[in-house]
Amino acid sequence: MINCPLMRMHYLLLVILSYLPVTAYSENIVFSDETLTQEVKLPEWFKLSFLDLKDDITEAAEAKKKGLILYFGRKDCPYCKALIEKNWGRDDIRFYTQKHFDVVAIDTKGIKSITDFDGFVFDEKQYSLKMKTNFTPSLLFYNLDEKKVLRLTGYQNPYRFMAALEYVAGNHYKSISYSDYLAQAEESLDTNGNEFLNEEPYFDKPPFNLNRKYFSSERPLAVFFEKKFCHACDILHAMPLQDDRVKNSLQDMDVIQLEFNSSGPVITPAGKKLTVSQWAKELDLNYSPTIIFFDEAGKEIIRIDSVVWVNRLGRVLEYISTKAYKKYPDFQSWKIKTDN
C-alpha cells in the first residue's frame, strides 16, 4: 500500500493515463483551424439545462457527481470540434466524464438567458465575456460548493484532458496546484520531441532584461515558454511559426524564448530578478509551449496555453500588432467587434 499522499496521487494519475494509448501522450494533433462551414454537433449526453447554474450544481450533487463543467463553445469552432471528436469521442474519456460530471454547454455567441451562481442574469454572449473566455472551447470546472477549481482554455490533447478530469474528480485541487500535478505525470510521459529547443531568427539573445516597470518599451513583448522533448513545441515551429503572416507580425515585437525549467536568470517585465523556472511557476504555467504577450509597460495582455494553429495565432497577433488591446482590454470583445 502506498501511504504517502503525493506518491499515491502520482501513482493514481499514471494508472489513469495508462488507459490511453501511448500515441495519445504526444499525439500529433494536426487539424485545420479554418472557421467551420458545418456546425459542431454537441454530444447527446450533455446536460439539458435551463441554465440556472445553482440548480445545475444541486442536480449534479443529487446524481452523486463530483462537479459541473461549463463548456463555452461556438458552432463554427474547429477547436471545439477537436475536443468533442478527438477527446470526448473516446469511450474512456467520455465514460469518465459522464461518471463524475454534468456538462452544460454555453454558446459564446448565444442569446439564451443564464442565471449565475449569484442570481444575476446574462445572455450567453454576455456571460462568456464576463467569464473571460477568450478562446473556445473554454471549460470551467466547479465543485459542489460552487467554487471554480480549474479552467482549461482552448484545445488540450487527450492525455492532458484526462489528467484535468482526474485532477478535479479526485479532489487533488485541495492539496496541489494543477501545474504541479501535471508536472508529476509529464516527467514520466513527455519524452517525445527534439532534444533541443527550436530557434527562430527573430528570437532575441540573452541576457534577458525584460524590465518595463520604470521605462516603457516602444514595442510589445512576446515570451515563448518551451521545453526540450516537447512534441507540441516542434509542431508549433514546423507549422504555424513558418506562416508569413505570423513571421511578419512577430518581427514587429520583442520576442524571446525561454526554457520552462531553466535555472538561467531573467529580469521580468515587472522588474523581478528570477530564474526562468521561478518565473514560470509564478505565472502558473502548465502547458508547453505557452506564449505570453506583454504591453509596452510590462502588463500581460493575453496568453496562449493550448494547441494553436495559424488562424488563431494570426488573429492574436493582429490584436497585438494593431494595438487593439489599448481600446479593447480583452481579445474576445475585440474579436466579436471585428467578426461583425
Protein backbone atom coordinates (compact mmCIF):
# COMPACT_ATOMS: atom_id res chain seq x y z
CA MET A 1 0.00 0.00 0.00
CA ILE A 2 1.22 3.49 -0.85
CA ASN A 3 0.94 5.64 2.28
CA CYS A 4 2.46 8.94 1.12
CA PRO A 5 -0.40 11.11 -0.27
CA LEU A 6 1.74 12.66 -3.02
CA MET A 7 3.16 9.30 -4.11
CA ARG A 8 -0.32 7.78 -4.08
CA MET A 9 -1.68 10.65 -6.17
CA HIS A 10 1.18 10.32 -8.67
CA TYR A 11 0.56 6.58 -8.90
CA LEU A 12 -3.17 7.04 -9.47
CA LEU A 13 -2.55 9.62 -12.18
CA LEU A 14 -0.22 7.28 -14.02
CA VAL A 15 -2.78 4.49 -13.73
CA ILE A 16 -5.49 6.74 -15.18
CA LEU A 17 -3.26 7.81 -18.05
CA SER A 18 -2.13 4.26 -18.73
CA TYR A 19 -5.58 3.54 -20.16
CA LEU A 20 -4.80 5.94 -23.02
CA PRO A 21 -2.77 4.53 -25.91
CA VAL A 22 0.89 5.55 -25.95
CA THR A 23 0.29 7.66 -29.05
CA ALA A 24 -2.04 9.91 -27.04
CA TYR A 25 0.85 11.16 -24.91
CA SER A 26 2.43 13.04 -27.80
CA GLU A 27 -0.36 12.69 -30.31
CA ASN A 28 0.21 14.66 -33.48
CA ILE A 29 -2.96 16.73 -33.21
CA VAL A 30 -2.99 18.40 -36.58
CA PHE A 31 -6.17 19.94 -37.93
CA SER A 32 -7.21 22.98 -39.91
CA ASP A 33 -8.38 25.85 -37.75
CA GLU A 34 -10.35 27.49 -40.53
CA THR A 35 -13.83 28.51 -39.39
CA LEU A 36 -16.16 25.56 -39.90
CA THR A 37 -18.85 25.60 -42.56
CA GLN A 38 -20.76 22.76 -40.86
CA GLU A 39 -21.92 23.30 -37.30
CA VAL A 40 -20.35 21.41 -34.42
CA LYS A 41 -22.79 18.83 -33.06
CA LEU A 42 -22.85 18.69 -29.27
CA PRO A 43 -22.88 15.24 -27.63
CA GLU A 44 -26.35 13.96 -26.76
CA TRP A 45 -25.19 13.19 -23.21
CA PHE A 46 -24.53 16.87 -22.39
CA LYS A 47 -26.96 18.04 -19.70
CA LEU A 48 -30.27 19.51 -20.85
CA SER A 49 -30.04 22.59 -18.70
CA PHE A 50 -32.32 25.56 -18.10
CA LEU A 51 -29.05 27.46 -17.49
CA ASP A 52 -29.72 28.17 -13.83
CA LEU A 53 -26.28 27.28 -12.52
CA LYS A 54 -27.32 26.83 -8.89
CA ASP A 55 -29.91 24.29 -9.97
CA ASP A 56 -27.31 22.56 -12.14
CA ILE A 57 -24.96 22.19 -9.17
CA THR A 58 -27.79 20.88 -6.98
CA GLU A 59 -28.75 18.31 -9.59
CA ALA A 60 -25.12 17.24 -10.02
CA ALA A 61 -24.88 16.64 -6.27
CA GLU A 62 -28.13 14.65 -6.27
CA ALA A 63 -26.71 12.50 -9.07
CA LYS A 64 -23.58 11.83 -6.95
CA LYS A 65 -21.35 13.68 -9.39
CA LYS A 66 -18.14 15.45 -8.34
CA GLY A 67 -18.97 18.73 -10.02
CA LEU A 68 -20.09 20.71 -13.03
CA ILE A 69 -18.26 21.58 -16.24
CA LEU A 70 -19.31 24.69 -18.12
CA TYR A 71 -18.40 24.23 -21.79
CA PHE A 72 -18.06 27.54 -23.65
CA GLY A 73 -18.01 26.92 -27.37
CA ARG A 74 -19.12 28.07 -30.80
CA LYS A 75 -20.94 26.20 -33.53
CA ASP A 76 -18.24 27.07 -36.08
CA CYS A 77 -15.20 26.43 -33.86
CA PRO A 78 -12.67 23.86 -35.17
CA TYR A 79 -11.03 23.56 -31.74
CA CYS A 80 -14.43 22.70 -30.23
CA LYS A 81 -14.88 20.04 -32.89
CA ALA A 82 -11.47 18.58 -31.99
CA LEU A 83 -12.41 18.42 -28.30
CA ILE A 84 -15.73 16.72 -28.99
CA GLU A 85 -14.43 14.26 -31.58
CA LYS A 86 -10.85 13.54 -30.51
CA ASN A 87 -11.34 13.65 -26.72
CA TRP A 88 -14.98 13.05 -25.86
CA GLY A 89 -15.15 10.78 -28.88
CA ARG A 90 -13.04 8.28 -26.93
CA ASP A 91 -15.05 5.85 -24.82
CA ASP A 92 -12.70 6.02 -21.83
CA ILE A 93 -12.75 9.83 -21.63
CA ARG A 94 -16.47 10.07 -22.28
CA PHE A 95 -17.36 7.46 -19.65
CA TYR A 96 -15.08 9.08 -17.07
CA THR A 97 -16.62 12.50 -17.74
CA GLN A 98 -20.18 11.21 -17.53
CA LYS A 99 -19.46 9.34 -14.30
CA HIS A 100 -18.07 12.34 -12.45
CA PHE A 101 -19.51 15.49 -14.07
CA ASP A 102 -22.53 17.11 -15.62
CA VAL A 103 -21.55 19.18 -18.67
CA VAL A 104 -23.53 22.33 -19.53
CA ALA A 105 -22.99 23.95 -22.92
CA ILE A 106 -22.89 27.74 -23.35
CA ASP A 107 -22.72 29.29 -26.82
CA THR A 108 -20.37 32.28 -26.72
CA LYS A 109 -22.48 33.92 -29.44
CA GLY A 110 -25.79 32.74 -27.99
CA ILE A 111 -28.78 34.65 -26.65
CA LYS A 112 -30.25 32.22 -24.09
CA SER A 113 -30.58 33.56 -20.55
CA ILE A 114 -28.20 32.29 -17.87
CA THR A 115 -28.67 32.74 -14.13
CA ASP A 116 -25.25 32.62 -12.49
CA PHE A 117 -24.39 31.36 -9.01
CA ASP A 118 -25.10 34.79 -7.52
CA GLY A 119 -28.53 35.07 -9.11
CA PHE A 120 -27.57 37.56 -11.81
CA VAL A 121 -28.99 37.06 -15.29
CA PHE A 122 -26.98 37.35 -18.52
CA ASP A 123 -27.38 36.18 -22.06
CA GLU A 124 -24.82 33.61 -23.21
CA LYS A 125 -22.65 36.15 -25.02
CA GLN A 126 -22.59 38.50 -22.01
CA TYR A 127 -21.77 35.68 -19.62
CA SER A 128 -18.97 34.43 -21.86
CA LEU A 129 -17.43 37.92 -21.82
CA LYS A 130 -17.85 38.13 -18.05
CA MET A 131 -16.03 34.82 -17.61
CA LYS A 132 -13.20 35.95 -19.94
CA THR A 133 -13.44 33.02 -22.32
CA ASN A 134 -11.01 34.45 -24.86
CA PHE A 135 -10.71 31.17 -26.73
CA THR A 136 -13.16 28.40 -27.50
CA PRO A 137 -13.50 25.85 -26.20
CA SER A 138 -13.11 27.07 -22.63
CA LEU A 139 -14.02 24.71 -19.81
CA LEU A 140 -14.73 25.91 -16.27
CA PHE A 141 -14.81 23.21 -13.60
CA TYR A 142 -16.89 23.81 -10.47
CA ASN A 143 -17.05 21.65 -7.37
CA LEU A 144 -20.30 21.05 -5.48
CA ASP A 145 -19.63 24.11 -3.32
CA GLU A 146 -19.94 26.31 -6.43
CA LYS A 147 -16.20 27.04 -6.36
CA LYS A 148 -14.33 27.25 -9.66
CA VAL A 149 -11.40 24.87 -9.24
CA LEU A 150 -9.96 24.68 -12.76
CA ARG A 151 -10.07 26.48 -16.10
CA LEU A 152 -8.99 24.89 -19.37
CA THR A 153 -8.64 27.33 -22.25
CA GLY A 154 -8.52 26.06 -25.81
CA TYR A 155 -7.96 22.52 -27.05
CA GLN A 156 -5.89 20.11 -24.92
CA ASN A 157 -4.77 16.74 -26.22
CA PRO A 158 -6.42 13.56 -24.82
CA TYR A 159 -3.93 12.66 -22.10
CA ARG A 160 -3.78 16.21 -20.70
CA PHE A 161 -7.56 16.42 -20.84
CA MET A 162 -7.92 13.14 -18.97
CA ALA A 163 -5.47 14.41 -16.37
CA ALA A 164 -7.59 17.54 -15.88
CA LEU A 165 -10.73 15.46 -15.35
CA GLU A 166 -8.97 13.27 -12.79
CA TYR A 167 -7.45 16.31 -11.06
CA VAL A 168 -10.91 17.66 -10.28
CA ALA A 169 -12.77 14.36 -9.79
CA GLY A 170 -10.07 13.18 -7.40
CA ASN A 171 -10.21 16.42 -5.36
CA HIS A 172 -6.49 16.94 -5.92
CA TYR A 173 -7.05 20.69 -6.25
CA LYS A 174 -7.37 20.73 -2.46
CA SER A 175 -3.72 19.84 -1.98
CA ILE A 176 -1.72 20.69 -5.11
CA SER A 177 -1.79 23.14 -7.99
CA TYR A 178 -2.76 21.87 -11.42
CA SER A 179 0.68 22.85 -12.75
CA ASP A 180 2.48 20.73 -10.15
CA TYR A 181 0.01 17.90 -10.63
CA LEU A 182 0.63 17.76 -14.37
CA ALA A 183 4.38 18.04 -13.93
CA GLN A 184 4.44 14.79 -11.95
CA ALA A 185 2.96 12.85 -14.85
CA GLU A 186 4.86 14.63 -17.60
CA GLU A 187 8.20 13.77 -16.02
CA SER A 188 7.33 10.15 -16.79
CA LEU A 189 5.42 10.55 -20.04
CA ASP A 190 6.71 13.51 -22.04
CA THR A 191 9.81 12.09 -23.70
CA ASN A 192 8.96 12.73 -27.35
CA GLY A 193 10.18 15.57 -29.49
CA ASN A 194 13.54 17.16 -30.23
CA GLU A 195 16.26 17.11 -27.58
CA PHE A 196 16.90 20.81 -28.18
CA LEU A 197 14.84 23.99 -28.32
CA ASN A 198 13.73 25.12 -31.77
CA GLU A 199 15.15 28.54 -32.58
CA GLU A 200 13.79 31.28 -34.83
CA PRO A 201 15.78 34.15 -36.36
CA TYR A 202 13.62 36.79 -34.66
CA PHE A 203 14.25 35.43 -31.14
CA ASP A 204 16.33 37.88 -29.10
CA LYS A 205 19.51 36.56 -27.49
CA PRO A 206 20.33 36.55 -23.74
CA PRO A 207 20.82 38.13 -21.31
CA PHE A 208 17.12 38.72 -20.84
CA ASN A 209 16.39 42.03 -19.18
CA LEU A 210 12.66 42.44 -19.82
CA ASN A 211 12.18 45.16 -17.21
CA ARG A 212 9.44 47.57 -18.28
CA LYS A 213 8.44 48.76 -14.84
CA TYR A 214 10.21 52.12 -14.90
CA PHE A 215 10.90 52.63 -18.60
CA SER A 216 8.31 51.51 -21.13
CA SER A 217 9.37 49.86 -24.37
CA GLU A 218 8.31 51.02 -27.79
CA ARG A 219 7.08 47.55 -28.75
CA PRO A 220 5.00 44.79 -27.18
CA LEU A 221 6.79 41.68 -25.93
CA ALA A 222 6.13 38.02 -26.78
CA VAL A 223 7.65 35.37 -24.49
CA PHE A 224 7.72 31.74 -25.68
CA PHE A 225 8.00 29.27 -22.78
CA GLU A 226 9.08 25.92 -24.21
CA LYS A 227 10.69 22.61 -23.24
CA LYS A 228 13.06 20.13 -24.78
CA PHE A 229 11.45 16.84 -25.83
CA CYS A 230 8.23 18.77 -26.48
CA HIS A 231 6.30 17.45 -29.46
CA ALA A 232 3.80 20.32 -29.39
CA CYS A 233 6.70 22.80 -29.48
CA ASP A 234 8.16 21.07 -32.53
CA ILE A 235 4.81 21.30 -34.33
CA LEU A 236 4.43 24.98 -33.45
CA HIS A 237 7.80 25.76 -35.04
CA ALA A 238 7.33 23.48 -38.03
CA MET A 239 3.92 24.82 -39.00
CA PRO A 240 2.29 27.97 -37.52
CA LEU A 241 5.57 29.85 -37.00
CA GLN A 242 6.51 29.31 -40.64
CA ASP A 243 3.45 31.19 -41.89
CA ASP A 244 4.44 34.52 -43.48
CA ARG A 245 1.69 36.48 -41.72
CA VAL A 246 2.83 35.12 -38.35
CA LYS A 247 6.51 35.80 -39.03
CA ASN A 248 5.86 39.35 -40.21
CA SER A 249 3.78 40.16 -37.12
CA LEU A 250 6.35 38.75 -34.71
CA GLN A 251 9.14 40.77 -36.30
CA ASP A 252 7.35 43.91 -35.11
CA MET A 253 7.64 42.79 -31.48
CA ASP A 254 10.35 41.97 -28.96
CA VAL A 255 10.37 38.16 -28.94
CA ILE A 256 12.27 35.82 -26.64
CA GLN A 257 12.30 32.10 -26.00
CA LEU A 258 12.80 30.65 -22.51
CA GLU A 259 13.24 27.05 -21.42
CA PHE A 260 10.48 26.21 -18.95
CA ASN A 261 12.62 24.54 -16.30
CA SER A 262 15.79 26.56 -16.76
CA SER A 263 17.76 27.90 -13.81
CA GLY A 264 19.02 30.70 -16.04
CA PRO A 265 18.40 34.30 -14.92
CA VAL A 266 15.74 36.63 -16.23
CA ILE A 267 14.57 40.08 -15.21
CA THR A 268 10.81 40.01 -15.65
CA PRO A 269 8.69 42.82 -17.15
CA ALA A 270 7.78 43.72 -13.55
CA GLY A 271 11.47 44.16 -12.70
CA LYS A 272 11.91 40.98 -10.62
CA LYS A 273 15.19 39.07 -10.77
CA LEU A 274 14.23 35.41 -11.00
CA THR A 275 15.27 32.17 -12.62
CA VAL A 276 13.17 31.15 -15.62
CA SER A 277 11.65 28.24 -13.67
CA GLN A 278 10.72 30.57 -10.81
CA TRP A 279 9.02 32.95 -13.21
CA ALA A 280 7.17 30.08 -14.91
CA LYS A 281 5.89 28.95 -11.51
CA GLU A 282 4.87 32.50 -10.59
CA LEU A 283 2.93 32.69 -13.86
CA ASP A 284 1.32 29.32 -13.05
CA LEU A 285 2.25 27.81 -16.42
CA ASN A 286 1.20 24.25 -17.14
CA TYR A 287 1.42 23.90 -20.92
CA SER A 288 4.37 23.88 -23.27
CA PRO A 289 4.57 25.82 -25.47
CA THR A 290 2.93 28.81 -23.79
CA ILE A 291 3.13 32.22 -25.46
CA ILE A 292 2.53 35.28 -23.28
CA PHE A 293 2.20 38.77 -24.68
CA PHE A 294 3.03 41.87 -22.61
CA ASP A 295 2.33 45.50 -23.45
CA GLU A 296 4.89 48.29 -23.59
CA ALA A 297 4.63 48.84 -19.81
CA GLY A 298 5.02 45.16 -18.95
CA LYS A 299 1.37 44.26 -18.29
CA GLU A 300 0.22 40.87 -19.54
CA ILE A 301 -2.19 41.26 -22.46
CA ILE A 302 -3.05 37.66 -23.28
CA ARG A 303 -1.57 34.18 -23.24
CA ILE A 304 -1.94 31.14 -25.47
CA ASP A 305 -1.53 27.96 -23.42
CA SER A 306 -3.14 25.29 -25.57
CA VAL A 307 -2.92 23.85 -29.08
CA VAL A 308 -2.78 26.72 -31.56
CA TRP A 309 -2.69 26.83 -35.34
CA VAL A 310 -2.20 29.53 -37.95
CA ASN A 311 -5.55 31.28 -37.93
CA ARG A 312 -5.93 31.59 -34.16
CA LEU A 313 -2.32 32.66 -33.73
CA GLY A 314 -2.69 35.11 -36.62
CA ARG A 315 -5.76 36.70 -35.03
CA VAL A 316 -3.99 37.11 -31.68
CA LEU A 317 -1.00 38.68 -33.40
CA GLU A 318 -3.33 41.04 -35.27
CA TYR A 319 -4.87 42.07 -31.94
CA ILE A 320 -1.39 42.77 -30.56
CA SER A 321 0.28 44.36 -33.60
CA THR A 322 -2.59 46.77 -34.27
CA LYS A 323 -2.53 47.84 -30.58
CA ALA A 324 -6.21 46.90 -30.36
CA TYR A 325 -5.61 45.87 -26.73
CA LYS A 326 -5.45 49.58 -25.84
CA LYS A 327 -9.10 50.01 -26.87
CA TYR A 328 -10.38 46.50 -26.18
CA PRO A 329 -8.99 45.14 -22.88
CA ASP A 330 -9.81 41.56 -23.79
CA PHE A 331 -9.34 39.63 -27.00
CA GLN A 332 -12.89 38.27 -27.05
CA SER A 333 -14.61 41.66 -27.16
CA TRP A 334 -12.27 42.79 -29.96
CA LYS A 335 -12.91 39.59 -31.88
CA ILE A 336 -16.69 40.00 -31.61
CA LYS A 337 -16.37 43.56 -32.90
CA THR A 338 -14.11 42.68 -35.84
CA ASP A 339 -16.00 39.49 -36.72
CA ASN A 340 -19.12 41.58 -37.10
